[in-house]
């Protein structure tokens, strides 16, 4: 079942889509659907799966350094003489 929706496009993008519709013979709606399908296929292919063993590590890799996310360079590349 299809769901009708309405979107606003910047004028330049609309014109590009319209010209492409004339060239390909595909409706603007069909091109948008195809583009969204390709976009989501690519995003989903690059998204880590929950079954990935890395997610099973959980709390086993906790650090006592609570500022690690903001000071990671200092931990990775300590300055000599400090």
Protein backbone atom coordinates (compact mmCIF):
# COMPACT_ATOMS: atom_id res chain seq x y z
CA UNK A 1 0.00 0.00 0.00
CA UNK A 2 1.35 3.42 -0.92
CA UNK A 3 1.07 6.48 1.28
CA UNK A 4 0.69 9.88 -0.33
CA UNK A 5 3.04 12.57 0.92
CA UNK A 6 4.00 16.10 0.01
CA UNK A 7 7.46 17.67 0.19
CA UNK A 8 8.98 21.07 -0.47
CA UNK A 9 12.09 21.17 -2.65
CA UNK A 10 14.49 24.03 -3.23
CA UNK A 11 13.76 25.48 -6.67
CA UNK A 12 17.13 24.41 -8.10
CA UNK A 13 16.63 20.80 -6.97
CA UNK A 14 13.10 20.82 -8.36
CA UNK A 15 14.36 22.01 -11.76
CA UNK A 16 17.09 19.36 -11.84
CA UNK A 17 14.53 16.69 -11.01
CA UNK A 18 12.10 18.00 -13.64
CA UNK A 19 14.80 18.03 -16.36
CA UNK A 20 15.84 14.51 -15.40
CA UNK A 21 12.21 13.39 -15.69
CA UNK A 22 12.08 14.67 -19.26
CA UNK A 23 15.38 12.97 -20.16
CA UNK A 24 14.61 9.60 -18.56
CA UNK A 25 10.87 9.48 -19.17
CA UNK A 26 10.36 8.67 -15.49
CA UNK A 27 8.03 10.72 -13.33
CA UNK A 28 9.48 12.96 -10.67
CA UNK A 29 7.77 10.84 -8.02
CA UNK A 30 9.34 7.66 -9.41
CA UNK A 31 12.79 9.22 -9.37
CA UNK A 32 12.33 10.36 -5.77
CA UNK A 33 11.21 6.86 -4.74
CA UNK A 34 14.22 5.28 -6.49
CA UNK A 35 16.60 7.78 -4.91
CA UNK A 36 15.21 7.12 -1.43
CA UNK A 37 15.46 3.37 -1.97
CA UNK A 38 19.13 3.70 -3.00
CA UNK A 39 19.83 6.03 -0.07
CA UNK A 40 18.32 3.70 2.54
CA UNK A 41 19.98 0.64 1.00
CA UNK A 42 23.37 2.36 1.28
CA UNK A 43 22.74 3.59 4.84
CA UNK A 44 21.57 0.18 6.01
CA UNK A 45 24.59 -1.52 4.41
CA UNK A 46 26.91 0.78 6.38
CA UNK A 47 25.10 0.50 9.72
CA UNK A 48 26.59 -1.97 12.21
CA UNK A 49 24.31 -4.91 12.91
CA UNK A 50 23.32 -5.66 16.50
CA UNK A 51 24.47 -9.26 15.96
CA UNK A 52 28.03 -7.98 15.54
CA UNK A 53 30.22 -9.53 18.29
CA UNK A 54 31.65 -6.10 19.15
CA UNK A 55 28.35 -5.20 20.86
CA UNK A 56 28.72 -8.19 23.20
CA UNK A 57 31.79 -6.67 24.86
CA UNK A 58 29.62 -4.32 26.89
CA UNK A 59 31.05 -3.39 30.29
CA UNK A 60 34.16 -5.53 29.84
CA UNK A 61 35.96 -2.63 28.20
CA UNK A 62 35.13 0.11 30.72
CA UNK A 63 37.87 2.59 31.55
CA UNK A 64 38.51 4.30 34.86
CA UNK A 65 39.42 7.44 32.91
CA UNK A 66 36.10 9.26 32.79
CA UNK A 67 37.40 12.08 30.61
CA UNK A 68 38.58 9.71 27.88
CA UNK A 69 36.14 10.96 25.25
CA UNK A 70 37.35 14.55 25.57
CA UNK A 71 41.05 13.93 26.35
CA UNK A 72 41.78 10.91 24.17
CA UNK A 73 44.71 12.62 22.41
CA UNK A 74 46.47 13.18 25.74
CA UNK A 75 46.13 9.47 26.55
CA UNK A 76 47.18 8.30 23.10
CA UNK A 77 50.03 10.78 22.61
CA UNK A 78 51.39 11.76 26.05
CA UNK A 79 53.91 14.59 26.06
CA UNK A 80 57.36 13.63 27.20
CA UNK A 81 58.69 15.37 30.29
CA UNK A 82 55.33 15.72 32.01
